Amino acid sequence: MESIVELIKEVQHKKGGQLITCILKMLNGTTSEQVVKIYTFLFDKCIRVYIQMISKWIYEGIIEDKFQ
């Protein structure tokens, strides 16, 4: 539970690439198998959205960045 609290503190006010980078740093900095599973799940969910946004920009020329 402490790891989740630590993650929440670290990601506060972060968006987009900053959020993804922060989660990845936390993921790479832990050795707990349970925490790795949680961080991996969160990273996967965030990166999918980010990749979809970038793909739409590259292949369709449409930029949909809700957070500017």
Protein backbone atom coordinates (compact mmCIF):
# COMPACT_ATOMS: atom_id res chain seq x y z
CA MET A 1 0.00 0.00 0.00
CA GLU A 2 2.92 2.33 0.69
CA SER A 3 4.05 1.99 -2.91
CA ILE A 4 0.68 3.16 -4.18
CA VAL A 5 0.78 6.19 -1.90
CA GLU A 6 4.32 6.95 -3.09
CA LEU A 7 3.22 6.64 -6.73
CA ILE A 8 0.27 8.97 -6.17
CA LYS A 9 2.55 11.57 -4.63
CA GLU A 10 5.00 11.31 -7.53
CA VAL A 11 2.43 11.55 -10.33
CA GLN A 12 0.41 14.43 -8.92
CA HIS A 13 -0.07 17.21 -11.48
CA LYS A 14 1.72 15.24 -14.21
CA LYS A 15 0.18 14.62 -17.62
CA GLY A 16 1.10 12.87 -20.86
CA GLY A 17 4.74 11.98 -21.28
CA GLN A 18 5.65 13.21 -17.82
CA LEU A 19 3.13 10.83 -16.26
CA ILE A 20 4.36 7.90 -18.32
CA THR A 21 7.99 8.66 -17.51
CA CYS A 22 7.22 8.93 -13.80
CA ILE A 23 5.40 5.58 -13.73
CA LEU A 24 8.24 3.95 -15.67
CA LYS A 25 10.85 5.29 -13.22
CA MET A 26 8.82 3.97 -10.30
CA LEU A 27 8.43 0.61 -12.07
CA ASN A 28 12.16 0.34 -12.72
CA GLY A 29 12.92 1.30 -9.14
CA THR A 30 11.05 -1.50 -7.39
CA THR A 31 11.80 -5.15 -6.81
CA SER A 32 8.52 -6.19 -5.20
CA GLU A 33 6.69 -8.57 -7.52
CA GLN A 34 3.27 -7.27 -6.44
CA VAL A 35 4.25 -3.64 -6.92
CA VAL A 36 5.76 -4.43 -10.33
CA LYS A 37 2.43 -5.95 -11.39
CA ILE A 38 0.51 -2.85 -10.28
CA TYR A 39 2.94 -0.40 -11.88
CA THR A 40 3.06 -2.46 -15.08
CA PHE A 41 -0.74 -2.46 -15.28
CA LEU A 42 -0.86 1.32 -14.84
CA PHE A 43 1.98 1.90 -17.30
CA ASP A 44 0.29 -0.30 -19.89
CA LYS A 45 -3.00 1.59 -19.60
CA CYS A 46 -1.28 4.98 -19.90
CA ILE A 47 1.01 4.06 -22.77
CA ARG A 48 -1.83 2.64 -24.85
CA VAL A 49 -3.69 5.95 -24.75
CA TYR A 50 -0.50 7.85 -25.57
CA ILE A 51 0.35 5.56 -28.50
CA GLN A 52 -3.17 5.88 -29.90
CA MET A 53 -2.89 9.67 -29.76
CA ILE A 54 0.51 9.68 -31.48
CA SER A 55 -0.62 7.15 -34.11
CA LYS A 56 -3.63 9.28 -34.97
CA TRP A 57 -1.35 12.29 -35.37
CA ILE A 58 1.19 10.43 -37.55
CA TYR A 59 -1.21 8.47 -39.75
CA GLU A 60 -4.21 10.81 -39.93
CA GLY A 61 -2.68 14.21 -39.21
CA ILE A 62 -5.09 14.76 -36.32
CA ILE A 63 -3.86 16.01 -32.97
CA GLU A 64 -6.19 15.23 -30.09
CA ASP A 65 -4.45 16.43 -26.95
CA LYS A 66 -7.07 17.11 -24.30
CA PHE A 67 -4.45 18.53 -21.96
CA GLN A 68 -2.60 20.71 -24.51
